[in-house]
Amino acid sequence: DLSEEEQDYILEDVMSKVETEDEFSRFKEDKEASFKLEEIKHTLKNTVSVIVNQVKHSYFEPEGFEVDFVDLKRDYDLSALHFELDKGEMDLSGKIDRLDTYKTEDGKVYVKIVDYKSGNNSIDATNTLAGLDIQMYVYMDAALEYTEKKTGCPTTPAGLYYIHVTDDIDSKAKEETALEDT
């Protein structure tokens, strides 16, 4: 249970360390870039708040963040990530943004996948049936197999969720900041 003040403190501490890295030097070049960095911080703060609130009000517990398929293949030899093809084989790579689980008293484990998106993605049944937009389903298949091997308990999918990570900073403020640099 992190208070909003504790969340802000941790986030500021992490961001102050990240800002010293060379890759972030471009955010200090001009006012527009600095504004973009502030926008990123604001978006991150909102996202952390949403995640904390979701976890606080759910029976599900985060099992992992940025769950890497390379690690899962190495540690659990998941068939959901390996495909035999006519001319060879293919191993999938990727990361599950967030994997949540809930274990019931009778030993079932429910699995939930959360994917954070900055765009306007949604799950479309028509595209899925056509073999498109199947990323979340492949992730779920891998997550179910991984969780079952890890816990030794039967697993059931509980849901696939896109969480849109956006910022609602007024576009007028963006425009004014850009104009100040000209």
Protein backbone atom coordinates (compact mmCIF):
# COMPACT_ATOMS: atom_id res chain seq x y z
CA ASP A 1 0.00 0.00 0.00
CA LEU A 2 1.92 3.00 -1.29
CA SER A 3 0.53 6.44 -0.65
CA GLU A 4 0.47 8.93 -3.50
CA GLU A 5 3.33 10.80 -1.82
CA GLU A 6 5.42 7.61 -1.62
CA GLN A 7 4.68 6.85 -5.29
CA ASP A 8 5.75 10.37 -6.26
CA TYR A 9 8.95 10.14 -4.19
CA ILE A 10 9.98 6.80 -5.74
CA LEU A 11 9.13 8.01 -9.24
CA GLU A 12 11.08 11.27 -8.81
CA ASP A 13 14.05 9.33 -7.43
CA VAL A 14 14.05 6.93 -10.39
CA MET A 15 13.54 9.72 -12.95
CA SER A 16 16.36 11.83 -11.48
CA LYS A 17 18.72 8.86 -11.93
CA VAL A 18 17.47 8.15 -15.46
CA GLU A 19 17.81 11.81 -16.49
CA THR A 20 21.56 11.69 -15.83
CA GLU A 21 22.06 8.97 -18.46
CA ASP A 22 23.48 10.04 -21.81
CA GLU A 23 20.39 8.92 -23.77
CA PHE A 24 18.34 11.57 -21.97
CA SER A 25 20.66 14.53 -22.65
CA ARG A 26 18.51 15.51 -25.67
CA PHE A 27 15.67 16.38 -23.28
CA LYS A 28 17.78 19.28 -21.96
CA GLU A 29 18.46 20.82 -25.36
CA ASP A 30 15.46 23.13 -25.65
CA LYS A 31 12.13 24.03 -24.09
CA GLU A 32 10.11 21.73 -26.34
CA ALA A 33 12.27 18.73 -25.44
CA SER A 34 12.11 19.66 -21.75
CA PHE A 35 8.34 19.90 -22.02
CA LYS A 36 8.27 16.43 -23.61
CA LEU A 37 10.23 15.04 -20.66
CA GLU A 38 7.75 16.62 -18.24
CA GLU A 39 4.94 15.09 -20.31
CA ILE A 40 6.59 11.66 -20.02
CA LYS A 41 6.93 12.09 -16.24
CA HIS A 42 3.27 13.08 -15.98
CA THR A 43 2.20 10.07 -18.05
CA LEU A 44 4.38 7.79 -15.96
CA LYS A 45 2.92 9.18 -12.73
CA ASN A 46 -0.63 8.57 -14.00
CA THR A 47 0.29 5.05 -15.15
CA VAL A 48 1.88 4.14 -11.81
CA SER A 49 -1.21 5.43 -10.02
CA VAL A 50 -3.47 3.26 -12.22
CA ILE A 51 -1.32 0.16 -11.64
CA VAL A 52 -1.22 0.67 -7.87
CA ASN A 53 -4.99 1.20 -7.79
CA GLN A 54 -5.64 -1.92 -9.88
CA VAL A 55 -3.44 -4.10 -7.71
CA LYS A 56 -4.92 -2.67 -4.52
CA HIS A 57 -8.50 -3.47 -5.58
CA SER A 58 -7.97 -6.92 -7.11
CA TYR A 59 -7.61 -10.47 -5.92
CA PHE A 60 -4.92 -10.85 -8.55
CA GLU A 61 -1.27 -10.41 -7.66
CA PRO A 62 1.37 -9.25 -10.14
CA GLU A 63 3.43 -12.31 -11.00
CA GLY A 64 5.83 -10.31 -13.13
CA PHE A 65 6.49 -7.19 -15.15
CA GLU A 66 8.31 -7.28 -18.50
CA VAL A 67 8.20 -11.09 -18.45
CA ASP A 68 10.70 -12.04 -21.17
CA PHE A 69 10.03 -15.03 -23.42
CA VAL A 70 13.78 -15.74 -23.62
CA ASP A 71 13.84 -16.32 -19.85
CA LEU A 72 10.67 -18.42 -19.96
CA LYS A 73 12.03 -20.62 -22.77
CA ARG A 74 15.30 -21.12 -20.92
CA ASP A 75 13.77 -21.83 -17.51
CA TYR A 76 10.56 -23.68 -18.45
CA ASP A 77 10.97 -24.97 -22.05
CA LEU A 78 7.55 -23.73 -23.17
CA SER A 79 6.04 -25.39 -26.23
CA ALA A 80 3.75 -22.36 -26.69
CA LEU A 81 6.81 -20.38 -27.82
CA HIS A 82 8.28 -22.96 -30.22
CA PHE A 83 6.90 -23.89 -33.63
CA GLU A 84 8.00 -26.59 -36.08
CA LEU A 85 7.74 -25.30 -39.65
CA ASP A 86 8.03 -26.99 -43.04
CA LYS A 87 11.51 -25.56 -43.51
CA GLY A 88 12.84 -25.41 -39.98
CA GLU A 89 11.57 -24.09 -36.70
CA MET A 90 10.70 -20.80 -35.07
CA ASP A 91 10.98 -19.53 -31.50
CA LEU A 92 8.92 -16.52 -30.53
CA SER A 93 10.44 -13.62 -28.66
CA GLY A 94 8.73 -10.83 -26.80
CA LYS A 95 7.76 -9.56 -23.40
CA ILE A 96 4.53 -9.66 -21.45
CA ASP A 97 4.15 -6.20 -19.92
CA ARG A 98 2.36 -7.52 -16.84
CA LEU A 99 1.33 -11.01 -15.78
CA ASP A 100 -1.12 -11.30 -12.87
CA THR A 101 -2.31 -14.47 -11.16
CA TYR A 102 -4.96 -15.44 -8.64
CA LYS A 103 -4.85 -18.82 -6.90
CA THR A 104 -8.12 -20.14 -5.51
CA GLU A 105 -8.52 -22.24 -2.39
CA ASP A 106 -9.15 -25.34 -4.55
CA GLY A 107 -5.78 -24.90 -6.29
CA LYS A 108 -6.77 -23.34 -9.62
CA VAL A 109 -4.69 -20.47 -10.88
CA TYR A 110 -6.32 -17.75 -12.97
CA VAL A 111 -4.04 -15.81 -15.30
CA LYS A 112 -4.47 -12.24 -16.52
CA ILE A 113 -2.30 -10.50 -19.14
CA VAL A 114 -1.94 -6.72 -19.25
CA ASP A 115 -0.35 -4.95 -22.21
CA TYR A 116 0.43 -1.24 -21.95
CA LYS A 117 -0.10 0.69 -25.17
CA SER A 118 0.51 4.32 -26.05
CA GLY A 119 -1.54 4.00 -29.25
CA ASN A 120 -5.17 3.27 -29.80
CA ASN A 121 -5.04 -0.55 -29.82
CA SER A 122 -7.99 -2.78 -29.09
CA ILE A 123 -8.75 -6.45 -29.48
CA ASP A 124 -10.79 -7.01 -32.65
CA ALA A 125 -12.46 -10.42 -33.03
CA THR A 126 -12.58 -10.12 -36.83
CA ASN A 127 -8.83 -9.54 -37.06
CA THR A 128 -8.15 -12.32 -34.57
CA LEU A 129 -10.22 -14.83 -36.57
CA ALA A 130 -8.31 -13.77 -39.68
CA GLY A 131 -5.03 -14.59 -37.91
CA LEU A 132 -4.14 -10.95 -37.29
CA ASP A 133 -3.81 -9.24 -33.90
CA ILE A 134 -3.05 -12.51 -32.13
CA GLN A 135 -0.24 -11.20 -29.93
CA MET A 136 -2.28 -11.20 -26.72
CA TYR A 137 -3.57 -14.74 -27.34
CA VAL A 138 -0.06 -16.05 -27.95
CA TYR A 139 1.05 -14.27 -24.76
CA MET A 140 -1.81 -15.89 -22.84
CA ASP A 141 -0.95 -19.35 -24.17
CA ALA A 142 2.65 -18.91 -23.03
CA ALA A 143 1.57 -17.44 -19.67
CA LEU A 144 -0.81 -20.34 -18.98
CA GLU A 145 1.86 -22.94 -19.77
CA TYR A 146 4.50 -21.07 -17.75
CA THR A 147 2.22 -20.63 -14.72
CA GLU A 148 1.12 -24.26 -14.78
CA LYS A 149 4.73 -25.50 -14.96
CA LYS A 150 5.84 -23.08 -12.24
CA THR A 151 3.00 -23.76 -9.78
CA GLY A 152 2.05 -27.33 -10.69
CA CYS A 153 -1.58 -26.18 -10.62
CA PRO A 154 -4.18 -26.12 -13.40
CA THR A 155 -4.48 -22.69 -15.03
CA THR A 156 -7.41 -20.82 -16.56
CA PRO A 157 -7.32 -17.60 -18.59
CA ALA A 158 -8.98 -14.73 -16.73
CA GLY A 159 -8.55 -11.92 -19.23
CA LEU A 160 -6.52 -10.00 -21.78
CA TYR A 161 -6.30 -6.26 -21.20
CA TYR A 162 -4.89 -3.30 -23.05
CA ILE A 163 -4.18 -0.36 -20.79
CA HIS A 164 -3.77 2.82 -22.75
CA VAL A 165 -0.89 4.89 -21.41
CA THR A 166 -1.61 8.44 -22.40
CA ASP A 167 -1.32 11.89 -21.01
CA ASP A 168 -4.05 14.45 -21.02
CA ILE A 169 -1.87 17.54 -20.93
CA ASP A 170 -3.68 20.27 -22.80
CA SER A 171 -2.56 20.54 -26.43
CA LYS A 172 -2.74 24.35 -26.07
CA ALA A 173 0.08 24.18 -23.50
CA LYS A 174 2.13 22.10 -25.94
CA GLU A 175 1.51 24.64 -28.65
CA GLU A 176 2.51 27.56 -26.39
CA THR A 177 5.73 25.81 -25.36
CA ALA A 178 6.64 25.12 -28.97
CA LEU A 179 5.98 28.76 -29.88
CA GLU A 180 8.27 30.02 -27.09
CA ASP A 181 11.22 28.33 -28.83
CA THR A 182 10.65 30.05 -32.16
